[in-house]
C-alpha atoms as a PDB file:
ATOM      1  CA  UNK A   1      -9.567   6.644  22.146  1.00  0.00           C
ATOM      2  CA  UNK A   2      -7.436   5.050  24.885  1.00  0.00           C
ATOM      3  CA  UNK A   3      -4.939   7.603  24.445  1.00  0.00           C
ATOM      4  CA  UNK A   4      -7.724  10.235  25.726  1.00  0.00           C
ATOM      5  CA  UNK A   5      -8.735   8.072  28.513  1.00  0.00           C
ATOM      6  CA  UNK A   6      -5.067   7.803  29.708  1.00  0.00           C
ATOM      7  CA  UNK A   7      -5.325  11.835  29.609  1.00  0.00           C
ATOM      8  CA  UNK A   8      -8.057  11.539  32.126  1.00  0.00           C
ATOM      9  CA  UNK A   9     -10.017  14.887  30.786  1.00  0.00           C
ATOM     10  CA  UNK A  10     -12.837  16.283  32.092  1.00  0.00           C
ATOM     11  CA  UNK A  11     -15.887  17.096  29.759  1.00  0.00           C
ATOM     12  CA  UNK A  12     -14.837  20.969  30.102  1.00  0.00           C
ATOM     13  CA  UNK A  13     -11.435  20.322  29.181  1.00  0.00           C
ATOM     14  CA  UNK A  14     -10.720  21.626  25.726  1.00  0.00           C
ATOM     15  CA  UNK A  15      -9.340  18.743  23.333  1.00  0.00           C
ATOM     16  CA  UNK A  16      -5.797  18.365  22.619  1.00  0.00           C
ATOM     17  CA  UNK A  17      -4.879  20.104  19.154  1.00  0.00           C
ATOM     18  CA  UNK A  18      -1.924  16.989  18.154  1.00  0.00           C
ATOM     19  CA  UNK A  19      -5.203  14.416  18.874  1.00  0.00           C
ATOM     20  CA  UNK A  20      -7.821  16.602  16.850  1.00  0.00           C
ATOM     21  CA  UNK A  21      -5.322  17.019  14.343  1.00  0.00           C
ATOM     22  CA  UNK A  22      -5.179  13.234  14.129  1.00  0.00           C
ATOM     23  CA  UNK A  23      -8.671  12.678  14.266  1.00  0.00           C
ATOM     24  CA  UNK A  24      -9.151  15.264  11.242  1.00  0.00           C
ATOM     25  CA  UNK A  25      -6.276  13.031   9.063  1.00  0.00           C
ATOM     26  CA  UNK A  26      -8.043   9.930   9.665  1.00  0.00           C
ATOM     27  CA  UNK A  27     -10.939  11.708   8.595  1.00  0.00           C
ATOM     28  CA  UNK A  28      -9.329  12.961   5.717  1.00  0.00           C
ATOM     29  CA  UNK A  29      -8.580   9.095   4.805  1.00  0.00           C
ATOM     30  CA  UNK A  30     -11.916   7.353   5.032  1.00  0.00           C
ATOM     31  CA  UNK A  31     -12.441   8.191   1.499  1.00  0.00           C
ATOM     32  CA  UNK A  32      -9.614   5.954   0.591  1.00  0.00           C
ATOM     33  CA  UNK A  33     -11.557   2.846   1.454  1.00  0.00           C
ATOM     34  CA  UNK A  34     -13.812   2.843  -1.349  1.00  0.00           C
ATOM     35  CA  UNK A  35     -11.260   2.344  -3.638  1.00  0.00           C
ATOM     36  CA  UNK A  36      -9.889  -0.679  -1.787  1.00  0.00           C
ATOM     37  CA  UNK A  37     -10.718  -3.484  -4.020  1.00  0.00           C
ATOM     38  CA  UNK A  38     -10.071  -7.509  -3.035  1.00  0.00           C
ATOM     39  CA  UNK A  39     -11.015 -10.692  -5.637  1.00  0.00           C
ATOM     40  CA  UNK A  40     -13.378 -12.485  -4.105  1.00  0.00           C
ATOM     41  CA  UNK A  41     -11.824 -15.602  -6.022  1.00  0.00           C
ATOM     42  CA  UNK A  42      -8.460 -16.362  -3.834  1.00  0.00           C
ATOM     43  CA  UNK A  43      -7.219 -19.429  -5.554  1.00  0.00           C
ATOM     44  CA  UNK A  44      -6.270 -20.376  -9.043  1.00  0.00           C
ATOM     45  CA  UNK A  45      -8.319 -22.562 -11.524  1.00  0.00           C
ATOM     46  CA  UNK A  46      -6.127 -26.413 -11.772  1.00  0.00           C
ATOM     47  CA  UNK A  47      -4.189 -25.943  -8.510  1.00  0.00           C
ATOM     48  CA  UNK A  48      -1.472 -27.600  -7.475  1.00  0.00           C
ATOM     49  CA  UNK A  49       0.207 -25.966  -4.368  1.00  0.00           C
ATOM     50  CA  UNK A  50      -1.698 -24.203  -1.735  1.00  0.00           C
ATOM     51  CA  UNK A  51       0.719 -21.966   0.797  1.00  0.00           C
ATOM     52  CA  UNK A  52      -0.328 -20.039   3.631  1.00  0.00           C
ATOM     53  CA  UNK A  53       1.695 -17.189   4.625  1.00  0.00           C
ATOM     54  CA  UNK A  54       0.516 -15.381   8.005  1.00  0.00           C
ATOM     55  CA  UNK A  55       2.650 -12.132  10.072  1.00  0.00           C
ATOM     56  CA  UNK A  56       2.939 -10.869  13.118  1.00  0.00           C
ATOM     57  CA  UNK A  57       3.533  -7.380  14.316  1.00  0.00           C
ATOM     58  CA  UNK A  58       3.407  -5.017  17.089  1.00  0.00           C
ATOM     59  CA  UNK A  59       4.228  -1.207  18.218  1.00  0.00           C
ATOM     60  CA  UNK A  60       3.904   0.615  21.317  1.00  0.00           C
ATOM     61  CA  UNK A  61      -0.025   1.198  20.744  1.00  0.00           C
ATOM     62  CA  UNK A  62      -1.398  -1.850  18.647  1.00  0.00           C
ATOM     63  CA  UNK A  63      -0.291  -5.652  17.373  1.00  0.00           C
ATOM     64  CA  UNK A  64      -2.112  -7.424  14.475  1.00  0.00           C
ATOM     65  CA  UNK A  65      -1.742  -9.634  11.727  1.00  0.00           C
ATOM     66  CA  UNK A  66      -2.072 -10.891   8.207  1.00  0.00           C
ATOM     67  CA  UNK A  67      -2.501 -13.839   6.183  1.00  0.00           C
ATOM     68  CA  UNK A  68      -2.241 -14.257   2.719  1.00  0.00           C
ATOM     69  CA  UNK A  69      -3.191 -17.366   0.264  1.00  0.00           C
ATOM     70  CA  UNK A  70      -0.906 -18.353  -2.573  1.00  0.00           C
ATOM     71  CA  UNK A  71      -1.547 -20.551  -5.204  1.00  0.00           C
ATOM     72  CA  UNK A  72       0.188 -22.756  -8.415  1.00  0.00           C
ATOM     73  CA  UNK A  73      -1.418 -23.726 -10.972  1.00  0.00           C
ATOM     74  CA  UNK A  74      -0.469 -26.371 -13.822  1.00  0.00           C
ATOM     75  CA  UNK A  75       0.454 -23.528 -16.160  1.00  0.00           C
ATOM     76  CA  UNK A  76       2.820 -22.066 -13.463  1.00  0.00           C
ATOM     77  CA  UNK A  77       0.441 -18.959 -12.924  1.00  0.00           C
ATOM     78  CA  UNK A  78       0.996 -17.782  -9.407  1.00  0.00           C
ATOM     79  CA  UNK A  79      -1.247 -16.078  -7.867  1.00  0.00           C
ATOM     80  CA  UNK A  80      -0.994 -14.296  -3.978  1.00  0.00           C
ATOM     81  CA  UNK A  81      -3.863 -12.578  -2.103  1.00  0.00           C
ATOM     82  CA  UNK A  82      -4.677 -11.109   1.118  1.00  0.00           C
ATOM     83  CA  UNK A  83      -7.016 -13.839   3.022  1.00  0.00           C
ATOM     84  CA  UNK A  84      -7.673 -12.054   6.592  1.00  0.00           C
ATOM     85  CA  UNK A  85      -6.254 -10.102   9.036  1.00  0.00           C
ATOM     86  CA  UNK A  86      -6.550  -8.603  12.914  1.00  0.00           C
ATOM     87  CA  UNK A  87      -5.495  -6.246  14.993  1.00  0.00           C
ATOM     88  CA  UNK A  88      -5.848  -5.487  18.962  1.00  0.00           C
ATOM     89  CA  UNK A  89      -5.352  -2.361  20.740  1.00  0.00           C
ATOM     90  CA  UNK A  90      -2.027  -2.691  22.992  1.00  0.00           C
ATOM     91  CA  UNK A  91      -3.046  -3.058  27.037  1.00  0.00           C
ATOM     92  CA  UNK A  92      -2.893   0.273  29.022  1.00  0.00           C
ATOM     93  CA  UNK A  93      -0.409  -1.348  31.665  1.00  0.00           C
ATOM     94  CA  UNK A  94       3.150  -0.978  30.217  1.00  0.00           C
ATOM     95  CA  UNK A  95       4.178  -4.497  28.709  1.00  0.00           C
ATOM     96  CA  UNK A  96       7.398  -4.745  26.698  1.00  0.00           C
ATOM     97  CA  UNK A  97       7.404  -4.892  23.122  1.00  0.00           C
ATOM     98  CA  UNK A  98       8.629  -8.406  23.085  1.00  0.00           C
ATOM     99  CA  UNK A  99       5.927  -9.730  25.412  1.00  0.00           C
ATOM    100  CA  UNK A 100       3.632  -7.679  22.843  1.00  0.00           C
ATOM    101  CA  UNK A 101       5.050  -9.843  19.997  1.00  0.00           C
ATOM    102  CA  UNK A 102       5.027 -12.853  21.387  1.00  0.00           C
ATOM    103  CA  UNK A 103       0.377 -11.912  21.959  1.00  0.00           C
ATOM    104  CA  UNK A 104       0.748 -10.694  18.188  1.00  0.00           C
ATOM    105  CA  UNK A 105       1.853 -14.618  17.834  1.00  0.00           C
ATOM    106  CA  UNK A 106      -0.720 -16.060  19.676  1.00  0.00           C
ATOM    107  CA  UNK A 107      -3.215 -14.481  17.931  1.00  0.00           C
ATOM    108  CA  UNK A 108      -1.631 -15.313  14.452  1.00  0.00           C
ATOM    109  CA  UNK A 109      -1.615 -19.039  15.687  1.00  0.00           C
ATOM    110  CA  UNK A 110      -5.848 -18.399  16.463  1.00  0.00           C
ATOM    111  CA  UNK A 111      -5.892 -16.777  13.157  1.00  0.00           C
ATOM    112  CA  UNK A 112      -4.036 -19.522  10.966  1.00  0.00           C
ATOM    113  CA  UNK A 113      -6.221 -21.956  12.733  1.00  0.00           C
ATOM    114  CA  UNK A 114      -9.427 -20.457  12.742  1.00  0.00           C
ATOM    115  CA  UNK A 115      -9.078 -20.258   8.461  1.00  0.00           C
ATOM    116  CA  UNK A 116      -7.974 -23.552   7.977  1.00  0.00           C
ATOM    117  CA  UNK A 117     -11.024 -25.050   9.330  1.00  0.00           C
ATOM    118  CA  UNK A 118     -13.185 -22.174   8.098  1.00  0.00           C
ATOM    119  CA  UNK A 119     -12.340 -22.320   4.598  1.00  0.00           C
ATOM    120  CA  UNK A 120     -11.467 -25.872   4.680  1.00  0.00           C
ATOM    121  CA  UNK A 121      -7.901 -25.571   3.009  1.00  0.00           C
ATOM    122  CA  UNK A 122      -5.646 -27.675   3.149  1.00  0.00           C
ATOM    123  CA  UNK A 123      -2.626 -25.841   2.163  1.00  0.00           C
ATOM    124  CA  UNK A 124       0.769 -27.794   1.437  1.00  0.00           C
ATOM    125  CA  UNK A 125       2.760 -25.548   4.301  1.00  0.00           C
ATOM    126  CA  UNK A 126       1.878 -22.910   6.568  1.00  0.00           C
ATOM    127  CA  UNK A 127       4.408 -20.373   7.136  1.00  0.00           C
ATOM    128  CA  UNK A 128       4.185 -17.996  10.209  1.00  0.00           C
ATOM    129  CA  UNK A 129       6.446 -15.166  10.353  1.00  0.00           C
ATOM    130  CA  UNK A 130       7.986 -12.625  13.362  1.00  0.00           C
ATOM    131  CA  UNK A 131      10.339 -10.085  13.097  1.00  0.00           C
ATOM    132  CA  UNK A 132      10.814 -10.776  16.715  1.00  0.00           C
ATOM    133  CA  UNK A 133      14.227 -12.974  17.704  1.00  0.00           C
ATOM    134  CA  UNK A 134      13.063 -13.107  21.319  1.00  0.00           C
ATOM    135  CA  UNK A 135       9.288 -14.494  20.342  1.00  0.00           C
ATOM    136  CA  UNK A 136      10.703 -16.867  17.811  1.00  0.00           C
ATOM    137  CA  UNK A 137      13.056 -17.895  20.725  1.00  0.00           C
ATOM    138  CA  UNK A 138      10.337 -18.529  23.217  1.00  0.00           C
ATOM    139  CA  UNK A 139       8.032 -20.423  20.919  1.00  0.00           C
ATOM    140  CA  UNK A 140      10.862 -22.656  20.423  1.00  0.00           C
ATOM    141  CA  UNK A 141      11.481 -23.414  24.013  1.00  0.00           C
ATOM    142  CA  UNK A 142      10.223 -25.937  26.260  1.00  0.00           C
ATOM    143  CA  UNK A 143       7.241 -23.491  28.152  1.00  0.00           C
ATOM    144  CA  UNK A 144       7.955 -25.204  31.303  1.00  0.00           C
ATOM    145  CA  UNK A 145      11.253 -23.466  31.561  1.00  0.00           C
ATOM    146  CA  UNK A 146       9.471 -19.949  31.103  1.00  0.00           C
ATOM    147  CA  UNK A 147       7.661 -17.408  33.458  1.00  0.00           C
ATOM    148  CA  UNK A 148       3.992 -17.926  33.753  1.00  0.00           C
ATOM    149  CA  UNK A 149       2.971 -15.256  31.171  1.00  0.00           C
ATOM    150  CA  UNK A 150       5.637 -16.346  28.459  1.00  0.00           C
ATOM    151  CA  UNK A 151       4.911 -19.946  29.176  1.00  0.00           C
ATOM    152  CA  UNK A 152       1.112 -19.237  28.861  1.00  0.00           C
ATOM    153  CA  UNK A 153       1.064 -18.363  25.813  1.00  0.00           C
ATOM    154  CA  UNK A 154       4.115 -20.268  24.255  1.00  0.00           C
ATOM    155  CA  UNK A 155       2.166 -23.759  25.437  1.00  0.00           C
ATOM    156  CA  UNK A 156      -1.024 -22.024  23.343  1.00  0.00           C
ATOM    157  CA  UNK A 157       1.077 -21.143  20.531  1.00  0.00           C
ATOM    158  CA  UNK A 158       2.532 -24.824  20.876  1.00  0.00           C
ATOM    159  CA  UNK A 159      -1.017 -26.290  21.007  1.00  0.00           C
ATOM    160  CA  UNK A 160      -1.804 -24.454  18.040  1.00  0.00           C
ATOM    161  CA  UNK A 161       0.507 -24.746  15.536  1.00  0.00           C
ATOM    162  CA  UNK A 162       4.115 -26.461  14.469  1.00  0.00           C
ATOM    163  CA  UNK A 163       7.027 -25.246  16.031  1.00  0.00           C
ATOM    164  CA  UNK A 164       8.952 -25.561  12.848  1.00  0.00           C
ATOM    165  CA  UNK A 165       6.720 -23.195  10.868  1.00  0.00           C
ATOM    166  CA  UNK A 166       7.517 -20.172  12.763  1.00  0.00           C
ATOM    167  CA  UNK A 167      10.241 -18.023  10.812  1.00  0.00           C
ATOM    168  CA  UNK A 168      11.679 -14.522  11.038  1.00  0.00           C
ATOM    169  CA  UNK A 169      11.241 -11.883   8.925  1.00  0.00           C
ATOM    170  CA  UNK A 170      13.050  -8.391   9.214  1.00  0.00           C
ATOM    171  CA  UNK A 171      10.701  -6.076   9.835  1.00  0.00           C
ATOM    172  CA  UNK A 172      11.073  -3.681   6.816  1.00  0.00           C
ATOM    173  CA  UNK A 173       9.812  -6.729   4.794  1.00  0.00           C
ATOM    174  CA  UNK A 174       7.102  -7.522   7.501  1.00  0.00           C
ATOM    175  CA  UNK A 175       3.783  -6.633   5.493  1.00  0.00           C
ATOM    176  CA  UNK A 176       1.620  -6.613   8.979  1.00  0.00           C
ATOM    177  CA  UNK A 177       4.119  -3.615  10.059  1.00  0.00           C
ATOM    178  CA  UNK A 178       0.728  -2.131   8.555  1.00  0.00           C
ATOM    179  CA  UNK A 179      -1.478  -2.898  10.782  1.00  0.00           C
ATOM    180  CA  UNK A 180       0.739  -2.124  14.188  1.00  0.00           C
ATOM    181  CA  UNK A 181       2.012   1.486  12.851  1.00  0.00           C
ATOM    182  CA  UNK A 182      -1.022   2.839  11.268  1.00  0.00           C
ATOM    183  CA  UNK A 183       0.306   4.093   8.680  1.00  0.00           C
ATOM    184  CA  UNK A 184      -2.194   6.018   6.289  1.00  0.00           C
ATOM    185  CA  UNK A 185      -0.976   6.840   3.856  1.00  0.00           C
ATOM    186  CA  UNK A 186       0.385   2.962   2.853  1.00  0.00           C
ATOM    187  CA  UNK A 187      -3.133   2.256   2.231  1.00  0.00           C
ATOM    188  CA  UNK A 188      -1.651   2.679  -1.374  1.00  0.00           C
ATOM    189  CA  UNK A 189       0.049   0.026  -1.485  1.00  0.00           C
ATOM    190  CA  UNK A 190      -2.350  -2.648  -1.054  1.00  0.00           C
ATOM    191  CA  UNK A 191      -5.061  -0.651  -3.583  1.00  0.00           C
ATOM    192  CA  UNK A 192      -4.828  -2.230  -6.757  1.00  0.00           C
ATOM    193  CA  UNK A 193      -3.232  -0.525  -9.347  1.00  0.00           C
ATOM    194  CA  UNK A 194      -5.316  -0.816 -11.876  1.00  0.00           C
ATOM    195  CA  UNK A 195      -7.117   1.865 -10.127  1.00  0.00           C
ATOM    196  CA  UNK A 196      -5.209   4.351 -11.005  1.00  0.00           C
ATOM    197  CA  UNK A 197      -5.367   3.540 -15.036  1.00  0.00           C
ATOM    198  CA  UNK A 198      -8.985   3.412 -14.656  1.00  0.00           C
ATOM    199  CA  UNK A 199      -9.189   6.675 -13.195  1.00  0.00           C
ATOM    200  CA  UNK A 200      -6.689   8.096 -16.008  1.00  0.00           C
ATOM    201  CA  UNK A 201      -9.007   7.010 -18.594  1.00  0.00           C
ATOM    202  CA  UNK A 202     -12.028   8.661 -17.050  1.00  0.00           C
ATOM    203  CA  UNK A 203     -10.343  11.680 -16.872  1.00  0.00           C
ATOM    204  CA  UNK A 204      -8.247  11.796 -19.819  1.00  0.00           C
ATOM    205  CA  UNK A 205      -9.965   9.424 -22.237  1.00  0.00           C
ATOM    206  CA  UNK A 206      -8.997   6.244 -23.746  1.00  0.00           C
ATOM    207  CA  UNK A 207      -4.962   5.622 -25.183  1.00  0.00           C
ATOM    208  CA  UNK A 208      -4.405   3.728 -27.898  1.00  0.00           C
ATOM    209  CA  UNK A 209      -0.373   3.010 -26.373  1.00  0.00           C
ATOM    210  CA  UNK A 210       1.265   3.157 -23.160  1.00  0.00           C
ATOM    211  CA  UNK A 211       4.893   3.501 -22.555  1.00  0.00           C
ATOM    212  CA  UNK A 212       6.527   3.067 -19.417  1.00  0.00           C
ATOM    213  CA  UNK A 213      10.022   2.276 -17.561  1.00  0.00           C
ATOM    214  CA  UNK A 214      10.603  -1.639 -15.598  1.00  0.00           C
ATOM    215  CA  UNK A 215      11.540   0.096 -12.350  1.00  0.00           C
ATOM    216  CA  UNK A 216      14.555  -1.305 -10.582  1.00  0.00           C
ATOM    217  CA  UNK A 217      12.815  -2.135  -7.376  1.00  0.00           C
ATOM    218  CA  UNK A 218      11.729  -5.761  -8.042  1.00  0.00           C
ATOM    219  CA  UNK A 219      15.352  -6.359  -9.077  1.00  0.00           C
ATOM    220  CA  UNK A 220      19.005  -7.340  -6.903  1.00  0.00           C
ATOM    221  CA  UNK A 221      17.051  -8.258  -3.552  1.00  0.00           C
ATOM    222  CA  UNK A 222      19.427  -9.902  -1.027  1.00  0.00           C
ATOM    223  CA  UNK A 223      16.902 -11.530   0.927  1.00  0.00           C
ATOM    224  CA  UNK A 224      15.413 -14.748  -0.416  1.00  0.00           C
ATOM    225  CA  UNK A 225      12.451 -14.625   0.967  1.00  0.00           C
ATOM    226  CA  UNK A 226      11.998 -10.787   0.025  1.00  0.00           C
ATOM    227  CA  UNK A 227      12.511 -11.171  -3.680  1.00  0.00           C
ATOM    228  CA  UNK A 228      10.369 -14.191  -4.009  1.00  0.00           C
ATOM    229  CA  UNK A 229       7.679 -11.985  -2.618  1.00  0.00           C
ATOM    230  CA  UNK A 230       8.239  -9.296  -4.447  1.00  0.00           C
ATOM    231  CA  UNK A 231       8.480 -11.182  -7.834  1.00  0.00           C
ATOM    232  CA  UNK A 232       5.109 -13.118  -7.084  1.00  0.00           C
ATOM    233  CA  UNK A 233       3.412  -9.683  -5.971  1.00  0.00           C
ATOM    234  CA  UNK A 234       5.274  -8.130  -9.167  1.00  0.00           C
ATOM    235  CA  UNK A 235       3.584 -11.084 -11.572  1.00  0.00           C
ATOM    236  CA  UNK A 236       0.198 -11.080  -9.627  1.00  0.00           C
ATOM    237  CA  UNK A 237      -0.547  -7.195 -10.521  1.00  0.00           C
ATOM    238  CA  UNK A 238       1.164  -6.974 -13.718  1.00  0.00           C
ATOM    239  CA  UNK A 239      -0.936 -10.378 -15.182  1.00  0.00           C
ATOM    240  CA  UNK A 240      -4.138  -7.935 -13.756  1.00  0.00           C
ATOM    241  CA  UNK A 241      -3.061  -5.032 -15.750  1.00  0.00           C
ATOM    242  CA  UNK A 242      -2.339  -6.550 -18.605  1.00  0.00           C
ATOM    243  CA  UNK A 243      -5.402  -8.357 -18.908  1.00  0.00           C
ATOM    244  CA  UNK A 244      -7.440  -5.607 -18.158  1.00  0.00           C
ATOM    245  CA  UNK A 245      -5.626  -2.944 -20.857  1.00  0.00           C
ATOM    246  CA  UNK A 246      -5.543  -6.053 -23.367  1.00  0.00           C
ATOM    247  CA  UNK A 247      -9.423  -6.032 -22.492  1.00  0.00           C
ATOM    248  CA  UNK A 248      -9.806  -2.312 -23.688  1.00  0.00           C
ATOM    249  CA  UNK A 249      -7.472  -2.535 -26.724  1.00  0.00           C
ATOM    250  CA  UNK A 250      -4.610  -0.943 -25.580  1.00  0.00           C
ATOM    251  CA  UNK A 251      -0.803  -1.688 -26.500  1.00  0.00           C
ATOM    252  CA  UNK A 252       1.546  -1.356 -23.355  1.00  0.00           C
ATOM    253  CA  UNK A 253       5.261  -0.366 -23.905  1.00  0.00           C
ATOM    254  CA  UNK A 254       8.336  -1.413 -21.616  1.00  0.00           C
ATOM    255  CA  UNK A 255      11.783   0.596 -21.676  1.00  0.00           C
ATOM    256  CA  UNK A 256      14.506  -1.168 -20.091  1.00  0.00           C
ATOM    257  CA  UNK A 257      15.242  -0.001 -15.753  1.00  0.00           C
ATOM    258  CA  UNK A 258      16.830   2.663 -15.400  1.00  0.00           C
ATOM    259  CA  UNK A 259      17.405   4.405 -19.162  1.00  0.00           C
ATOM    260  CA  UNK A 260      15.412   7.503 -18.250  1.00  0.00           C
ATOM    261  CA  UNK A 261      16.610   8.875 -21.795  1.00  0.00           C
ATOM    262  CA  UNK A 262      14.662   6.582 -23.788  1.00  0.00           C
ATOM    263  CA  UNK A 263      11.447   9.050 -21.759  1.00  0.00           C
ATOM    264  CA  UNK A 264      12.543  12.387 -22.475  1.00  0.00           C
ATOM    265  CA  UNK A 265       9.494  13.996 -23.287  1.00  0.00           C
ATOM    266  CA  UNK A 266       7.712  12.974 -20.283  1.00  0.00           C
ATOM    267  CA  UNK A 267      10.407  12.967 -17.882  1.00  0.00           C
ATOM    268  CA  UNK A 268      11.270  16.929 -18.502  1.00  0.00           C
ATOM    269  CA  UNK A 269       7.353  16.615 -17.360  1.00  0.00           C
ATOM    270  CA  UNK A 270       8.261  15.355 -14.286  1.00  0.00           C
ATOM    271  CA  UNK A 271      11.607  17.287 -13.332  1.00  0.00           C
ATOM    272  CA  UNK A 272       9.249  20.800 -14.340  1.00  0.00           C
ATOM    273  CA  UNK A 273       6.534  19.078 -11.753  1.00  0.00           C
ATOM    274  CA  UNK A 274       8.823  18.377  -8.998  1.00  0.00           C
ATOM    275  CA  UNK A 275      10.502  22.042  -9.214  1.00  0.00           C
ATOM    276  CA  UNK A 276       7.273  23.195  -9.194  1.00  0.00           C
ATOM    277  CA  UNK A 277       6.618  21.021  -5.828  1.00  0.00           C
ATOM    278  CA  UNK A 278      10.255  21.804  -4.663  1.00  0.00           C
ATOM    279  CA  UNK A 279       9.595  25.619  -4.771  1.00  0.00           C
ATOM    280  CA  UNK A 280       6.005  25.804  -3.289  1.00  0.00           C
ATOM    281  CA  UNK A 281       5.934  23.241  -0.559  1.00  0.00           C
ATOM    282  CA  UNK A 282      10.225  23.055   0.800  1.00  0.00           C
ATOM    283  CA  UNK A 283       9.723  21.884   3.676  1.00  0.00           C
ATOM    284  CA  UNK A 284       6.261  21.666   4.800  1.00  0.00           C
ATOM    285  CA  UNK A 285       4.432  18.773   5.615  1.00  0.00           C
ATOM    286  CA  UNK A 286       1.464  18.260   3.370  1.00  0.00           C
ATOM    287  CA  UNK A 287      -1.829  16.283   4.094  1.00  0.00           C
ATOM    288  CA  UNK A 288      -3.029  14.163   1.602  1.00  0.00           C
ATOM    289  CA  UNK A 289      -5.930  16.678   0.507  1.00  0.00           C
ATOM    290  CA  UNK A 290      -3.137  19.382   0.836  1.00  0.00           C
ATOM    291  CA  UNK A 291      -0.892  17.834  -1.426  1.00  0.00           C
ATOM    292  CA  UNK A 292      -3.498  16.534  -3.846  1.00  0.00           C
ATOM    293  CA  UNK A 293      -5.021  19.706  -4.286  1.00  0.00           C
ATOM    294  CA  UNK A 294      -1.304  21.376  -4.849  1.00  0.00           C
ATOM    295  CA  UNK A 295      -0.543  18.395  -7.643  1.00  0.00           C
ATOM    296  CA  UNK A 296      -3.400  19.176  -9.564  1.00  0.00           C
ATOM    297  CA  UNK A 297      -2.732  23.408  -9.035  1.00  0.00           C
ATOM    298  CA  UNK A 298       0.675  22.560 -10.245  1.00  0.00           C
ATOM    299  CA  UNK A 299      -0.984  19.750 -13.145  1.00  0.00           C
ATOM    300  CA  UNK A 300      -3.085  22.741 -14.692  1.00  0.00           C
ATOM    301  CA  UNK A 301      -0.154  25.342 -15.008  1.00  0.00           C
ATOM    302  CA  UNK A 302       1.876  23.022 -16.442  1.00  0.00           C
ATOM    303  CA  UNK A 303      -0.897  22.094 -19.147  1.00  0.00           C
ATOM    304  CA  UNK A 304      -1.514  25.927 -20.003  1.00  0.00           C
ATOM    305  CA  UNK A 305       2.581  26.243 -20.612  1.00  0.00           C
ATOM    306  CA  UNK A 306       2.611  27.340 -24.677  1.00  0.00           C
ATOM    307  CA  UNK A 307       3.121  25.254 -27.383  1.00  0.00           C
ATOM    308  CA  UNK A 308       4.247  27.427 -29.723  1.00  0.00           C
ATOM    309  CA  UNK A 309       5.499  31.346 -29.733  1.00  0.00           C
ATOM    310  CA  UNK A 310       3.561  33.677 -29.020  1.00  0.00           C
ATOM    311  CA  UNK A 311       1.962  35.904 -31.564  1.00  0.00           C
ATOM    312  CA  UNK A 312       3.629  39.873 -31.694  1.00  0.00           C
ATOM    313  CA  UNK A 313       0.197  41.005 -32.055  1.00  0.00           C
ATOM    314  CA  UNK A 314      -0.759  42.673 -28.496  1.00  0.00           C
ATOM    315  CA  UNK A 315      -4.153  42.567 -29.364  1.00  0.00           C
ATOM    316  CA  UNK A 316      -4.003  38.525 -30.006  1.00  0.00           C
ATOM    317  CA  UNK A 317      -4.449  36.734 -26.881  1.00  0.00           C
ATOM    318  CA  UNK A 318      -5.003  33.390 -27.818  1.00  0.00           C
ATOM    319  CA  UNK A 319      -1.814  30.343 -27.531  1.00  0.00           C
ATOM    320  CA  UNK A 320      -1.616  27.046 -28.023  1.00  0.00           C
ATOM    321  CA  UNK A 321      -1.444  24.843 -25.072  1.00  0.00           C
ATOM    322  CA  UNK A 322      -1.731  20.954 -24.145  1.00  0.00           C
ATOM    323  CA  UNK A 323      -4.719  22.297 -22.252  1.00  0.00           C
ATOM    324  CA  UNK A 324      -6.529  23.213 -25.563  1.00  0.00           C
ATOM    325  CA  UNK A 325      -6.523  19.257 -26.662  1.00  0.00           C
ATOM    326  CA  UNK A 326      -7.896  18.704 -23.242  1.00  0.00           C
ATOM    327  CA  UNK A 327     -10.730  20.826 -22.882  1.00  0.00           C
ATOM    328  CA  UNK A 328     -10.679  23.023 -25.719  1.00  0.00           C
ATOM    329  CA  UNK A 329      -8.864  26.134 -23.650  1.00  0.00           C
ATOM    330  CA  UNK A 330      -6.076  27.281 -21.497  1.00  0.00           C
ATOM    331  CA  UNK A 331      -6.427  25.935 -17.835  1.00  0.00           C
ATOM    332  CA  UNK A 332      -5.262  28.804 -16.016  1.00  0.00           C
ATOM    333  CA  UNK A 333      -6.282  31.750 -18.780  1.00  0.00           C
ATOM    334  CA  UNK A 334      -9.573  34.102 -17.630  1.00  0.00           C
ATOM    335  CA  UNK A 335     -12.765  32.682 -19.238  1.00  0.00           C
ATOM    336  CA  UNK A 336     -14.092  34.457 -22.551  1.00  0.00           C
ATOM    337  CA  UNK A 337     -16.846  36.953 -22.285  1.00  0.00           C
ATOM    338  CA  UNK A 338     -20.096  36.096 -23.966  1.00  0.00           C
ATOM    339  CA  UNK A 339     -20.593  38.846 -27.071  1.00  0.00           C
ATOM    340  CA  UNK A 340     -23.964  37.862 -27.958  1.00  0.00           C
END
């Protein structure tokens, strides 16, 4: 809406193609909201330590913040959950990024204070993270030496929070980046990954065993904060999946990291999928709906590959495929006519 206002279009003017495509793309992704799943109970029983971590980030179009609560109980179990978040559209008047970062910091300070008061939490520590070194330096300065715009906001931040609660986080590790950038694709990163397993079971049936490799994406992080954050996230998500598959009677087998030869059977299928996508798509950028449709079609082709040699008799058009074990017939063959 703000972009349309800036264009100052008349009622009879045509809608810009670029904005129209952005809107259609946004509408396409609205259905993914139904897959979002947040736990109602965010703490653990017999909690020993509760921490609040707030993150703020900004861009030229918007800024926002998110607050996470981390809980440690007496058995060493750790739970980290998103507690709340807010976003704002940047003003029409052009403002520099550092000033917008400071505005985001003010909003984060207010949100953190309101969260602690309304939730009646007594966190052992509260850490507020921003990726702007300029805004962080302003927060740690005496407001009297700053210009009016900065002075008012720094004063508000220092009244609401402790100065030593503010820390720096690299931009690529800031979860509030999702809010400020408006990246719809990243919504999948906050969706509980158990949903993918549930969808697989609903489509293909319940397996007795699951084989997967241990990815290296949680290994070797140089930054200590990134290592801790990812380890916590990994433990929490792994625990939820393990609880689910245990209740379903499924056995989960792990292969060592970076050992593709252990899963050669499905790695060959992944290679076939990638090669087909590369031939069809090339460098074309697809929407989420187009990509999902294409992947499903490639899946049907791969599941219709023969599992044995073809018959030499030309009158026999039947050949066994993986699809026969899934749906009883090939997914790409013509339907058989009814002879009765």
